[in-house]
PDB file of all heavy atoms in Angstrom:
ATOM      1  N   ARG A   1      31.250  19.798  -9.690  1.00  0.00           N
ATOM      2  CA  ARG A   1      31.445  18.450  -9.140  1.00  0.00           C
ATOM      3  C   ARG A   1      30.109  17.835  -8.747  1.00  0.00           C
ATOM      4  O   ARG A   1      29.858  16.655  -9.009  1.00  0.00           O
ATOM      5  CB  ARG A   1      32.361  18.505  -7.910  1.00  0.00           C
ATOM      6  CG  ARG A   1      33.791  18.192  -8.245  1.00  0.00           C
ATOM      7  CD  ARG A   1      34.609  18.082  -7.016  1.00  0.00           C
ATOM      8  NE  ARG A   1      34.756  19.440  -6.484  1.00  0.00           N
ATOM      9  CZ  ARG A   1      35.017  19.734  -5.228  1.00  0.00           C
ATOM     10  NH1 ARG A   1      35.162  18.780  -4.345  1.00  0.00           N
ATOM     11  NH2 ARG A   1      35.140  20.967  -4.844  1.00  0.00           N
ATOM     12  N   LEU A   2      29.249  18.611  -8.122  1.00  0.00           N
ATOM     13  CA  LEU A   2      27.925  18.105  -7.748  1.00  0.00           C
ATOM     14  C   LEU A   2      27.101  17.749  -8.982  1.00  0.00           C
ATOM     15  O   LEU A   2      26.405  16.726  -8.998  1.00  0.00           O
ATOM     16  CB  LEU A   2      27.180  19.139  -6.909  1.00  0.00           C
ATOM     17  CG  LEU A   2      27.710  19.353  -5.487  1.00  0.00           C
ATOM     18  CD1 LEU A   2      26.955  20.482  -4.814  1.00  0.00           C
ATOM     19  CD2 LEU A   2      27.585  18.079  -4.681  1.00  0.00           C
ATOM     20  N   ALA A   3      27.201  18.574 -10.003  1.00  0.00           N
ATOM     21  CA  ALA A   3      26.478  18.290 -11.243  1.00  0.00           C
ATOM     22  C   ALA A   3      26.988  16.999 -11.874  1.00  0.00           C
ATOM     23  O   ALA A   3      26.193  16.170 -12.346  1.00  0.00           O
ATOM     24  CB  ALA A   3      26.625  19.452 -12.210  1.00  0.00           C
ATOM     25  N   ASP A   4      28.331  16.811 -11.896  1.00  0.00           N
ATOM     26  CA  ASP A   4      28.890  15.579 -12.458  1.00  0.00           C
ATOM     27  C   ASP A   4      28.455  14.356 -11.655  1.00  0.00           C
ATOM     28  O   ASP A   4      28.177  13.289 -12.220  1.00  0.00           O
ATOM     29  CB  ASP A   4      30.424  15.667 -12.498  1.00  0.00           C
ATOM     30  CG  ASP A   4      30.911  16.616 -13.577  1.00  0.00           C
ATOM     31  OD1 ASP A   4      30.110  16.934 -14.495  1.00  0.00           O
ATOM     32  OD2 ASP A   4      32.089  17.034 -13.508  1.00  0.00           O
ATOM     33  N   ARG A   5      28.378  14.506 -10.340  1.00  0.00           N
ATOM     34  CA  ARG A   5      27.955  13.389  -9.499  1.00  0.00           C
ATOM     35  C   ARG A   5      26.495  13.031  -9.773  1.00  0.00           C
ATOM     36  O   ARG A   5      26.129  11.860  -9.868  1.00  0.00           O
ATOM     37  CB  ARG A   5      28.123  13.772  -8.033  1.00  0.00           C
ATOM     38  CG  ARG A   5      28.512  12.591  -7.180  1.00  0.00           C
ATOM     39  CD  ARG A   5      28.651  12.950  -5.737  1.00  0.00           C
ATOM     40  NE  ARG A   5      29.728  13.922  -5.534  1.00  0.00           N
ATOM     41  CZ  ARG A   5      29.910  14.576  -4.407  1.00  0.00           C
ATOM     42  NH1 ARG A   5      29.093  14.382  -3.386  1.00  0.00           N
ATOM     43  NH2 ARG A   5      30.899  15.423  -4.278  1.00  0.00           N
ATOM     44  N   LYS A   6      25.661  14.053  -9.929  1.00  0.00           N
ATOM     45  CA  LYS A   6      24.243  13.810 -10.230  1.00  0.00           C
ATOM     46  C   LYS A   6      24.078  13.162 -11.598  1.00  0.00           C
ATOM     47  O   LYS A   6      23.251  12.267 -11.783  1.00  0.00           O
ATOM     48  CB  LYS A   6      23.458  15.120 -10.172  1.00  0.00           C
ATOM     49  CG  LYS A   6      23.214  15.609  -8.777  1.00  0.00           C
ATOM     50  CD  LYS A   6      22.381  16.866  -8.802  1.00  0.00           C
ATOM     51  CE  LYS A   6      22.122  17.382  -7.410  1.00  0.00           C
ATOM     52  NZ  LYS A   6      21.311  18.596  -7.426  1.00  0.00           N
ATOM     53  N   ILE A   7      24.865  13.611 -12.565  1.00  0.00           N
ATOM     54  CA  ILE A   7      24.787  13.034 -13.909  1.00  0.00           C
ATOM     55  C   ILE A   7      25.199  11.571 -13.883  1.00  0.00           C
ATOM     56  O   ILE A   7      24.563  10.711 -14.508  1.00  0.00           O
ATOM     57  CB  ILE A   7      25.660  13.849 -14.894  1.00  0.00           C
ATOM     58  CG1 ILE A   7      25.021  15.217 -15.125  1.00  0.00           C
ATOM     59  CG2 ILE A   7      25.834  13.118 -16.210  1.00  0.00           C
ATOM     60  CD1 ILE A   7      25.909  16.183 -15.879  1.00  0.00           C
ATOM     61  N   ALA A   8      26.278  11.258 -13.143  1.00  0.00           N
ATOM     62  CA  ALA A   8      26.736   9.870 -13.047  1.00  0.00           C
ATOM     63  C   ALA A   8      25.670   8.990 -12.390  1.00  0.00           C
ATOM     64  O   ALA A   8      25.424   7.863 -12.835  1.00  0.00           O
ATOM     65  CB  ALA A   8      28.038   9.812 -12.266  1.00  0.00           C
ATOM     66  N   LYS A   9      25.035   9.495 -11.338  1.00  0.00           N
ATOM     67  CA  LYS A   9      23.989   8.732 -10.668  1.00  0.00           C
ATOM     68  C   LYS A   9      22.801   8.506 -11.605  1.00  0.00           C
ATOM     69  O   LYS A   9      22.241   7.401 -11.661  1.00  0.00           O
ATOM     70  CB  LYS A   9      23.532   9.486  -9.418  1.00  0.00           C
ATOM     71  CG  LYS A   9      22.574   8.720  -8.561  1.00  0.00           C
ATOM     72  CD  LYS A   9      22.244   9.496  -7.298  1.00  0.00           C
ATOM     73  CE  LYS A   9      21.299   8.700  -6.436  1.00  0.00           C
ATOM     74  NZ  LYS A   9      20.947   9.420  -5.216  1.00  0.00           N
ATOM     75  N   PHE A  10      22.434   9.530 -12.350  1.00  0.00           N
ATOM     76  CA  PHE A  10      21.348   9.405 -13.315  1.00  0.00           C
ATOM     77  C   PHE A  10      21.673   8.368 -14.380  1.00  0.00           C
ATOM     78  O   PHE A  10      20.836   7.541 -14.735  1.00  0.00           O
ATOM     79  CB  PHE A  10      21.093  10.774 -13.965  1.00  0.00           C
ATOM     80  CG  PHE A  10      19.994  10.756 -14.977  1.00  0.00           C
ATOM     81  CD1 PHE A  10      18.668  10.720 -14.593  1.00  0.00           C
ATOM     82  CD2 PHE A  10      20.280  10.774 -16.333  1.00  0.00           C
ATOM     83  CE1 PHE A  10      17.656  10.712 -15.525  1.00  0.00           C
ATOM     84  CE2 PHE A  10      19.273  10.760 -17.272  1.00  0.00           C
ATOM     85  CZ  PHE A  10      17.957  10.731 -16.861  1.00  0.00           C
ATOM     86  N   GLN A  11      22.916   8.377 -14.880  1.00  0.00           N
ATOM     87  CA  GLN A  11      23.323   7.419 -15.906  1.00  0.00           C
ATOM     88  C   GLN A  11      23.288   5.988 -15.365  1.00  0.00           C
ATOM     89  O   GLN A  11      22.880   5.064 -16.076  1.00  0.00           O
ATOM     90  CB  GLN A  11      24.734   7.757 -16.426  1.00  0.00           C
ATOM     91  CG  GLN A  11      24.798   9.035 -17.230  1.00  0.00           C
ATOM     92  CD  GLN A  11      23.957   8.955 -18.501  1.00  0.00           C
ATOM     93  OE1 GLN A  11      23.740   7.901 -19.076  1.00  0.00           O
ATOM     94  NE2 GLN A  11      23.445  10.124 -18.904  1.00  0.00           N
ATOM     95  N   ARG A  12      23.689   5.795 -14.110  1.00  0.00           N
ATOM     96  CA  ARG A  12      23.621   4.449 -13.513  1.00  0.00           C
ATOM     97  C   ARG A  12      22.172   3.989 -13.414  1.00  0.00           C
ATOM     98  O   ARG A  12      21.863   2.825 -13.677  1.00  0.00           O
ATOM     99  CB  ARG A  12      24.253   4.457 -12.120  1.00  0.00           C
ATOM    100  CG  ARG A  12      25.746   4.374 -12.126  1.00  0.00           C
ATOM    101  CD  ARG A  12      26.280   4.021 -10.757  1.00  0.00           C
ATOM    102  NE  ARG A  12      25.800   4.916  -9.710  1.00  0.00           N
ATOM    103  CZ  ARG A  12      26.420   5.995  -9.279  1.00  0.00           C
ATOM    104  NH1 ARG A  12      27.580   6.335  -9.814  1.00  0.00           N
ATOM    105  NH2 ARG A  12      25.896   6.729  -8.317  1.00  0.00           N
ATOM    106  N   ASN A  13      21.272   4.900 -13.038  1.00  0.00           N
ATOM    107  CA  ASN A  13      19.857   4.533 -12.939  1.00  0.00           C
ATOM    108  C   ASN A  13      19.276   4.197 -14.310  1.00  0.00           C
ATOM    109  O   ASN A  13      18.448   3.300 -14.430  1.00  0.00           O
ATOM    110  CB  ASN A  13      19.058   5.672 -12.306  1.00  0.00           C
ATOM    111  CG  ASN A  13      19.291   5.771 -10.820  1.00  0.00           C
ATOM    112  OD1 ASN A  13      19.752   4.824 -10.189  1.00  0.00           O
ATOM    113  ND2 ASN A  13      18.996   6.930 -10.261  1.00  0.00           N
ATOM    114  N   ILE A  14      19.703   4.892 -15.341  1.00  0.00           N
ATOM    115  CA  ILE A  14      19.214   4.618 -16.694  1.00  0.00           C
ATOM    116  C   ILE A  14      19.683   3.243 -17.156  1.00  0.00           C
ATOM    117  O   ILE A  14      18.911   2.472 -17.739  1.00  0.00           O
ATOM    118  CB  ILE A  14      19.690   5.712 -17.679  1.00  0.00           C
ATOM    119  CG1 ILE A  14      19.002   7.038 -17.373  1.00  0.00           C
ATOM    120  CG2 ILE A  14      19.457   5.311 -19.116  1.00  0.00           C
ATOM    121  CD1 ILE A  14      17.511   7.018 -17.545  1.00  0.00           C
ATOM    122  N   THR A  15      20.909   2.890 -16.879  1.00  0.00           N
ATOM    123  CA  THR A  15      21.408   1.586 -17.326  1.00  0.00           C
ATOM    124  C   THR A  15      20.775   0.445 -16.548  1.00  0.00           C
ATOM    125  O   THR A  15      20.656  -0.663 -17.051  1.00  0.00           O
ATOM    126  CB  THR A  15      22.942   1.504 -17.201  1.00  0.00           C
ATOM    127  OG1 THR A  15      23.314   1.758 -15.849  1.00  0.00           O
ATOM    128  CG2 THR A  15      23.616   2.504 -18.121  1.00  0.00           C
ATOM    129  N   ARG A  16      20.332   0.712 -15.318  1.00  0.00           N
ATOM    130  CA  ARG A  16      19.683  -0.338 -14.524  1.00  0.00           C
ATOM    131  C   ARG A  16      18.185  -0.402 -14.770  1.00  0.00           C
ATOM    132  O   ARG A  16      17.514  -1.285 -14.250  1.00  0.00           O
ATOM    133  CB  ARG A  16      19.919  -0.089 -13.041  1.00  0.00           C
ATOM    134  CG  ARG A  16      21.277  -0.535 -12.583  1.00  0.00           C
ATOM    135  CD  ARG A  16      21.345  -0.487 -11.103  1.00  0.00           C
ATOM    136  NE  ARG A  16      21.544   0.901 -10.694  1.00  0.00           N
ATOM    137  CZ  ARG A  16      21.478   1.316  -9.446  1.00  0.00           C
ATOM    138  NH1 ARG A  16      21.198   0.487  -8.485  1.00  0.00           N
ATOM    139  NH2 ARG A  16      21.672   2.586  -9.160  1.00  0.00           N
ATOM    140  N   SER A  17      17.649   0.496 -15.533  1.00  0.00           N
ATOM    141  CA  SER A  17      16.215   0.564 -15.754  1.00  0.00           C
ATOM    142  C   SER A  17      15.701  -0.720 -16.414  1.00  0.00           C
ATOM    143  O   SER A  17      16.253  -1.194 -17.395  1.00  0.00           O
ATOM    144  CB  SER A  17      15.890   1.760 -16.647  1.00  0.00           C
ATOM    145  OG  SER A  17      14.530   1.773 -16.967  1.00  0.00           O
ATOM    146  N   GLY A  18      14.633  -1.271 -15.854  1.00  0.00           N
ATOM    147  CA  GLY A  18      14.019  -2.465 -16.428  1.00  0.00           C
ATOM    148  C   GLY A  18      14.630  -3.768 -15.976  1.00  0.00           C
ATOM    149  O   GLY A  18      14.196  -4.828 -16.383  1.00  0.00           O
ATOM    150  N   SER A  19      15.631  -3.732 -15.120  1.00  0.00           N
ATOM    151  CA  SER A  19      16.250  -4.979 -14.664  1.00  0.00           C
ATOM    152  C   SER A  19      15.875  -5.237 -13.215  1.00  0.00           C
ATOM    153  O   SER A  19      16.727  -5.277 -12.333  1.00  0.00           O
ATOM    154  CB  SER A  19      17.764  -4.920 -14.824  1.00  0.00           C
ATOM    155  OG  SER A  19      18.288  -3.854 -14.062  1.00  0.00           O
ATOM    156  N   ALA A  20      14.580  -5.403 -12.959  1.00  0.00           N
ATOM    157  CA  ALA A  20      14.091  -5.659 -11.611  1.00  0.00           C
ATOM    158  C   ALA A  20      14.374  -7.107 -11.237  1.00  0.00           C
ATOM    159  O   ALA A  20      14.420  -8.003 -12.086  1.00  0.00           O
ATOM    160  CB  ALA A  20      12.600  -5.383 -11.537  1.00  0.00           C
ATOM    161  N   ALA A  21      14.546  -7.330  -9.965  1.00  0.00           N
ATOM    162  CA  ALA A  21      14.806  -8.681  -9.470  1.00  0.00           C
ATOM    163  C   ALA A  21      13.535  -9.521  -9.571  1.00  0.00           C
ATOM    164  O   ALA A  21      12.422  -9.000  -9.671  1.00  0.00           O
ATOM    165  CB  ALA A  21      15.282  -8.620  -8.030  1.00  0.00           C
ATOM    166  N   ASP A  22      13.707 -10.835  -9.521  1.00  0.00           N
ATOM    167  CA  ASP A  22      12.557 -11.728  -9.601  1.00  0.00           C
ATOM    168  C   ASP A  22      11.685 -11.641  -8.360  1.00  0.00           C
ATOM    169  O   ASP A  22      10.518 -12.007  -8.387  1.00  0.00           O
ATOM    170  CB  ASP A  22      13.026 -13.174  -9.778  1.00  0.00           C
ATOM    171  CG  ASP A  22      13.582 -13.409 -11.175  1.00  0.00           C
ATOM    172  OD1 ASP A  22      13.252 -12.622 -12.076  1.00  0.00           O
ATOM    173  OD2 ASP A  22      14.336 -14.385 -11.352  1.00  0.00           O
ATOM    174  N   THR A  23      12.226 -11.175  -7.265  1.00  0.00           N
ATOM    175  CA  THR A  23      11.462 -11.110  -6.024  1.00  0.00           C
ATOM    176  C   THR A  23      10.652  -9.828  -5.915  1.00  0.00           C
ATOM    177  O   THR A  23      10.175  -9.496  -4.853  1.00  0.00           O
ATOM    178  CB  THR A  23      12.406 -11.204  -4.814  1.00  0.00           C
ATOM    179  OG1 THR A  23      13.344 -10.132  -4.889  1.00  0.00           O
ATOM    180  CG2 THR A  23      13.131 -12.531  -4.789  1.00  0.00           C
ATOM    181  N   ALA A  24      10.502  -9.099  -7.008  1.00  0.00           N
ATOM    182  CA  ALA A  24       9.762  -7.839  -6.968  1.00  0.00           C
ATOM    183  C   ALA A  24       8.272  -8.085  -6.737  1.00  0.00           C
ATOM    184  O   ALA A  24       7.605  -7.295  -6.090  1.00  0.00           O
ATOM    185  CB  ALA A  24       9.962  -7.062  -8.267  1.00  0.00           C
ATOM    186  N   GLY A  25       7.728  -9.176  -7.245  1.00  0.00           N
ATOM    187  CA  GLY A  25       6.311  -9.470  -7.070  1.00  0.00           C
ATOM    188  C   GLY A  25       6.058 -10.177  -5.760  1.00  0.00           C
ATOM    189  O   GLY A  25       6.946 -10.757  -5.150  1.00  0.00           O
ATOM    190  N   LYS A  26       4.799 -10.130  -5.307  1.00  0.00           N
ATOM    191  CA  LYS A  26       4.446 -10.816  -4.066  1.00  0.00           C
ATOM    192  C   LYS A  26       4.389 -12.314  -4.309  1.00  0.00           C
ATOM    193  O   LYS A  26       3.812 -12.783  -5.283  1.00  0.00           O
ATOM    194  CB  LYS A  26       3.083 -10.347  -3.571  1.00  0.00           C
ATOM    195  CG  LYS A  26       3.115  -9.116  -2.747  1.00  0.00           C
ATOM    196  CD  LYS A  26       1.744  -8.916  -2.125  1.00  0.00           C
ATOM    197  CE  LYS A  26       1.754  -7.730  -1.206  1.00  0.00           C
ATOM    198  NZ  LYS A  26       0.456  -7.507  -0.615  1.00  0.00           N
ATOM    199  N   LYS A  27       4.977 -13.023  -3.416  1.00  0.00           N
ATOM    200  CA  LYS A  27       4.886 -14.479  -3.472  1.00  0.00           C
ATOM    201  C   LYS A  27       4.469 -14.971  -2.106  1.00  0.00           C
ATOM    202  O   LYS A  27       4.807 -14.389  -1.089  1.00  0.00           O
ATOM    203  CB  LYS A  27       6.227 -15.087  -3.872  1.00  0.00           C
ATOM    204  CG  LYS A  27       6.595 -14.746  -5.299  1.00  0.00           C
ATOM    205  CD  LYS A  27       7.826 -15.458  -5.740  1.00  0.00           C
ATOM    206  CE  LYS A  27       8.105 -15.080  -7.186  1.00  0.00           C
ATOM    207  NZ  LYS A  27       9.296 -15.663  -7.686  1.00  0.00           N
ATOM    208  N   GLY A  28       3.743 -16.044  -2.069  1.00  0.00           N
ATOM    209  CA  GLY A  28       3.286 -16.564  -0.795  1.00  0.00           C
ATOM    210  C   GLY A  28       1.853 -16.144  -0.537  1.00  0.00           C
ATOM    211  O   GLY A  28       1.143 -15.672  -1.410  1.00  0.00           O
ATOM    212  N   LYS A  29       1.459 -16.327   0.711  1.00  0.00           N
ATOM    213  CA  LYS A  29       0.075 -16.033   1.079  1.00  0.00           C
ATOM    214  C   LYS A  29       0.031 -14.853   2.032  1.00  0.00           C
ATOM    215  O   LYS A  29      -0.445 -14.968   3.151  1.00  0.00           O
ATOM    216  CB  LYS A  29      -0.550 -17.268   1.701  1.00  0.00           C
ATOM    217  CG  LYS A  29      -0.668 -18.409   0.729  1.00  0.00           C
ATOM    218  CD  LYS A  29      -1.529 -19.504   1.247  1.00  0.00           C
ATOM    219  CE  LYS A  29      -1.640 -20.561   0.181  1.00  0.00           C
ATOM    220  NZ  LYS A  29      -2.760 -21.404   0.340  1.00  0.00           N
ATOM    221  N   ASP A  30       0.528 -13.725   1.608  1.00  0.00           N
ATOM    222  CA  ASP A  30       0.466 -12.514   2.405  1.00  0.00           C
ATOM    223  C   ASP A  30      -0.833 -11.795   2.095  1.00  0.00           C
ATOM    224  O   ASP A  30      -1.090 -11.396   0.971  1.00  0.00           O
ATOM    225  CB  ASP A  30       1.645 -11.591   2.090  1.00  0.00           C
ATOM    226  CG  ASP A  30       2.957 -12.183   2.548  1.00  0.00           C
ATOM    227  OD1 ASP A  30       2.928 -12.979   3.506  1.00  0.00           O
ATOM    228  OD2 ASP A  30       3.990 -11.844   1.961  1.00  0.00           O
ATOM    229  N   TYR A  31      -1.665 -11.658   3.120  1.00  0.00           N
ATOM    230  CA  TYR A  31      -2.933 -10.981   2.948  1.00  0.00           C
ATOM    231  C   TYR A  31      -2.739  -9.489   3.198  1.00  0.00           C
ATOM    232  O   TYR A  31      -1.938  -9.101   4.037  1.00  0.00           O
ATOM    233  CB  TYR A  31      -3.968 -11.557   3.910  1.00  0.00           C
ATOM    234  CG  TYR A  31      -4.270 -13.011   3.657  1.00  0.00           C
ATOM    235  CD1 TYR A  31      -3.845 -13.988   4.538  1.00  0.00           C
ATOM    236  CD2 TYR A  31      -4.958 -13.392   2.519  1.00  0.00           C
ATOM    237  CE1 TYR A  31      -4.110 -15.327   4.301  1.00  0.00           C
ATOM    238  CE2 TYR A  31      -5.231 -14.718   2.266  1.00  0.00           C
ATOM    239  CZ  TYR A  31      -4.808 -15.687   3.161  1.00  0.00           C
ATOM    240  OH  TYR A  31      -5.071 -16.994   2.916  1.00  0.00           O
ATOM    241  N   PRO A  32      -3.491  -8.644   2.508  1.00  0.00           N
ATOM    242  CA  PRO A  32      -3.332  -7.202   2.720  1.00  0.00           C
ATOM    243  C   PRO A  32      -3.818  -6.738   4.093  1.00  0.00           C
ATOM    244  O   PRO A  32      -3.419  -5.705   4.560  1.00  0.00           O
ATOM    245  CB  PRO A  32      -4.139  -6.575   1.599  1.00  0.00           C
ATOM    246  CG  PRO A  32      -5.061  -7.622   1.140  1.00  0.00           C
ATOM    247  CD  PRO A  32      -4.408  -8.938   1.428  1.00  0.00           C
ATOM    248  N   VAL A  33      -4.700  -7.514   4.749  1.00  0.00           N
ATOM    249  CA  VAL A  33      -5.147  -7.172   6.097  1.00  0.00           C
ATOM    250  C   VAL A  33      -4.880  -8.355   7.018  1.00  0.00           C
ATOM    251  O   VAL A  33      -4.820  -9.509   6.591  1.00  0.00           O
ATOM    252  CB  VAL A  33      -6.652  -6.826   6.140  1.00  0.00           C
ATOM    253  CG1 VAL A  33      -6.956  -5.572   5.360  1.00  0.00           C
ATOM    254  CG2 VAL A  33      -7.491  -7.968   5.635  1.00  0.00           C
ATOM    255  N   GLY A  34      -4.734  -8.069   8.287  1.00  0.00           N
ATOM    256  CA  GLY A  34      -4.480  -9.113   9.267  1.00  0.00           C
ATOM    257  C   GLY A  34      -5.740  -9.879   9.617  1.00  0.00           C
ATOM    258  O   GLY A  34      -6.863  -9.454   9.320  1.00  0.00           O
ATOM    259  N   PRO A  35      -5.582 -11.023  10.283  1.00  0.00           N
ATOM    260  CA  PRO A  35      -6.744 -11.837  10.639  1.00  0.00           C
ATOM    261  C   PRO A  35      -7.651 -11.161  11.661  1.00  0.00           C
ATOM    262  O   PRO A  35      -8.866 -11.364  11.646  1.00  0.00           O
ATOM    263  CB  PRO A  35      -6.136 -13.124  11.197  1.00  0.00           C
ATOM    264  CG  PRO A  35      -4.745 -12.772  11.564  1.00  0.00           C
ATOM    265  CD  PRO A  35      -4.321 -11.665  10.667  1.00  0.00           C
ATOM    266  N   ILE A  36      -7.093 -10.317  12.527  1.00  0.00           N
ATOM    267  CA  ILE A  36      -7.911  -9.635  13.530  1.00  0.00           C
ATOM    268  C   ILE A  36      -8.814  -8.605  12.858  1.00  0.00           C
ATOM    269  O   ILE A  36     -10.013  -8.515  13.164  1.00  0.00           O
ATOM    270  CB  ILE A  36      -7.013  -8.981  14.596  1.00  0.00           C
ATOM    271  CG1 ILE A  36      -6.279 -10.072  15.383  1.00  0.00           C
ATOM    272  CG2 ILE A  36      -7.823  -8.098  15.528  1.00  0.00           C
ATOM    273  CD1 ILE A  36      -5.258  -9.558  16.339  1.00  0.00           C
ATOM    274  N   VAL A  37      -8.263  -7.853  11.921  1.00  0.00           N
ATOM    275  CA  VAL A  37      -9.055  -6.859  11.205  1.00  0.00           C
ATOM    276  C   VAL A  37     -10.129  -7.542  10.371  1.00  0.00           C
ATOM    277  O   VAL A  37     -11.283  -7.091  10.319  1.00  0.00           O
ATOM    278  CB  VAL A  37      -8.151  -5.983  10.319  1.00  0.00           C
ATOM    279  CG1 VAL A  37      -8.968  -5.030   9.476  1.00  0.00           C
ATOM    280  CG2 VAL A  37      -7.154  -5.233  11.162  1.00  0.00           C
ATOM    281  N   LEU A  38      -9.764  -8.642   9.731  1.00  0.00           N
ATOM    282  CA  LEU A  38     -10.744  -9.387   8.938  1.00  0.00           C
ATOM    283  C   LEU A  38     -11.854  -9.940   9.823  1.00  0.00           C
ATOM    284  O   LEU A  38     -13.041  -9.868   9.469  1.00  0.00           O
ATOM    285  CB  LEU A  38     -10.041 -10.512   8.178  1.00  0.00           C
ATOM    286  CG  LEU A  38     -10.883 -11.310   7.206  1.00  0.00           C
ATOM    287  CD1 LEU A  38     -11.395 -10.412   6.096  1.00  0.00           C
ATOM    288  CD2 LEU A  38     -10.064 -12.444   6.625  1.00  0.00           C
ATOM    289  N   GLY A  39     -11.498 -10.487  10.984  1.00  0.00           N
ATOM    290  CA  GLY A  39     -12.502 -11.000  11.921  1.00  0.00           C
ATOM    291  C   GLY A  39     -13.426  -9.915  12.419  1.00  0.00           C
ATOM    292  O   GLY A  39     -14.641 -10.110  12.536  1.00  0.00           O
ATOM    293  N   PHE A  40     -12.864  -8.737  12.721  1.00  0.00           N
ATOM    294  CA  PHE A  40     -13.684  -7.607  13.168  1.00  0.00           C
ATOM    295  C   PHE A  40     -14.652  -7.171  12.074  1.00  0.00           C
ATOM    296  O   PHE A  40     -15.819  -6.899  12.337  1.00  0.00           O
ATOM    297  CB  PHE A  40     -12.787  -6.450  13.594  1.00  0.00           C
ATOM    298  CG  PHE A  40     -13.546  -5.247  14.048  1.00  0.00           C
ATOM    299  CD1 PHE A  40     -14.197  -5.246  15.264  1.00  0.00           C
ATOM    300  CD2 PHE A  40     -13.616  -4.127  13.246  1.00  0.00           C
ATOM    301  CE1 PHE A  40     -14.920  -4.127  15.691  1.00  0.00           C
ATOM    302  CE2 PHE A  40     -14.322  -3.011  13.654  1.00  0.00           C
ATOM    303  CZ  PHE A  40     -14.970  -3.013  14.878  1.00  0.00           C
ATOM    304  N   PHE A  41     -14.165  -7.127  10.835  1.00  0.00           N
ATOM    305  CA  PHE A  41     -15.025  -6.743   9.707  1.00  0.00           C
ATOM    306  C   PHE A  41     -16.177  -7.733   9.547  1.00  0.00           C
ATOM    307  O   PHE A  41     -17.338  -7.337   9.374  1.00  0.00           O
ATOM    308  CB  PHE A  41     -14.196  -6.664   8.425  1.00  0.00           C
ATOM    309  CG  PHE A  41     -14.986  -6.292   7.218  1.00  0.00           C
ATOM    310  CD1 PHE A  41     -15.441  -4.997   7.035  1.00  0.00           C
ATOM    311  CD2 PHE A  41     -15.288  -7.244   6.248  1.00  0.00           C
ATOM    312  CE1 PHE A  41     -16.194  -4.648   5.927  1.00  0.00           C
ATOM    313  CE2 PHE A  41     -16.025  -6.903   5.136  1.00  0.00           C
ATOM    314  CZ  PHE A  41     -16.479  -5.605   4.980  1.00  0.00           C
ATOM    315  N   VAL A  42     -15.894  -9.019   9.608  1.00  0.00           N
ATOM    316  CA  VAL A  42     -16.942 -10.043   9.478  1.00  0.00           C
ATOM    317  C   VAL A  42     -17.928  -9.915  10.638  1.00  0.00           C
ATOM    318  O   VAL A  42     -19.148 -10.006  10.444  1.00  0.00           O
ATOM    319  CB  VAL A  42     -16.311 -11.451   9.419  1.00  0.00           C
ATOM    320  CG1 VAL A  42     -17.345 -12.538   9.567  1.00  0.00           C
ATOM    321  CG2 VAL A  42     -15.550 -11.617   8.114  1.00  0.00           C
ATOM    322  N   PHE A  43     -17.405  -9.688  11.845  1.00  0.00           N
ATOM    323  CA  PHE A  43     -18.274  -9.516  13.015  1.00  0.00           C
ATOM    324  C   PHE A  43     -19.223  -8.336  12.830  1.00  0.00           C
ATOM    325  O   PHE A  43     -20.420  -8.434  13.106  1.00  0.00           O
ATOM    326  CB  PHE A  43     -17.405  -9.322  14.268  1.00  0.00           C
ATOM    327  CG  PHE A  43     -18.184  -8.928  15.487  1.00  0.00           C
ATOM    328  CD1 PHE A  43     -18.939  -9.862  16.176  1.00  0.00           C
ATOM    329  CD2 PHE A  43     -18.167  -7.620  15.939  1.00  0.00           C
ATOM    330  CE1 PHE A  43     -19.665  -9.503  17.296  1.00  0.00           C
ATOM    331  CE2 PHE A  43     -18.879  -7.246  17.056  1.00  0.00           C
ATOM    332  CZ  PHE A  43     -19.641  -8.189  17.737  1.00  0.00           C
ATOM    333  N   VAL A  44     -18.719  -7.229  12.350  1.00  0.00           N
ATOM    334  CA  VAL A  44     -19.551  -6.037  12.167  1.00  0.00           C
ATOM    335  C   VAL A  44     -20.589  -6.255  11.077  1.00  0.00           C
ATOM    336  O   VAL A  44     -21.771  -5.914  11.243  1.00  0.00           O
ATOM    337  CB  VAL A  44     -18.670  -4.808  11.844  1.00  0.00           C
ATOM    338  CG1 VAL A  44     -19.507  -3.642  11.368  1.00  0.00           C
ATOM    339  CG2 VAL A  44     -17.852  -4.410  13.056  1.00  0.00           C
ATOM    340  N   VAL A  45     -20.189  -6.868   9.972  1.00  0.00           N
ATOM    341  CA  VAL A  45     -21.127  -7.085   8.862  1.00  0.00           C
ATOM    342  C   VAL A  45     -22.231  -8.055   9.259  1.00  0.00           C
ATOM    343  O   VAL A  45     -23.422  -7.789   9.064  1.00  0.00           O
ATOM    344  CB  VAL A  45     -20.370  -7.583   7.607  1.00  0.00           C
ATOM    345  CG1 VAL A  45     -21.346  -8.070   6.553  1.00  0.00           C
ATOM    346  CG2 VAL A  45     -19.485  -6.484   7.063  1.00  0.00           C
ATOM    347  N   ILE A  46     -21.858  -9.188   9.844  1.00  0.00           N
ATOM    348  CA  ILE A  46     -22.862 -10.183  10.233  1.00  0.00           C
ATOM    349  C   ILE A  46     -23.715  -9.653  11.382  1.00  0.00           C
ATOM    350  O   ILE A  46     -24.935  -9.828  11.401  1.00  0.00           O
ATOM    351  CB  ILE A  46     -22.184 -11.521  10.597  1.00  0.00           C
ATOM    352  CG1 ILE A  46     -21.587 -12.142   9.331  1.00  0.00           C
ATOM    353  CG2 ILE A  46     -23.166 -12.482  11.243  1.00  0.00           C
ATOM    354  CD1 ILE A  46     -20.804 -13.398   9.570  1.00  0.00           C
TER     355      ILE A  46
END
């Protein structure tokens, strides 16, 4: 029963493969670092 359940889950994942939602990519102006960290970095460099 566990093997059948794992096989069914695997088959569902295979059929869904490649159908990512449109929101998978980053949209907007999200920076990888916060403004405080960026300010500290600029302060240290200058």
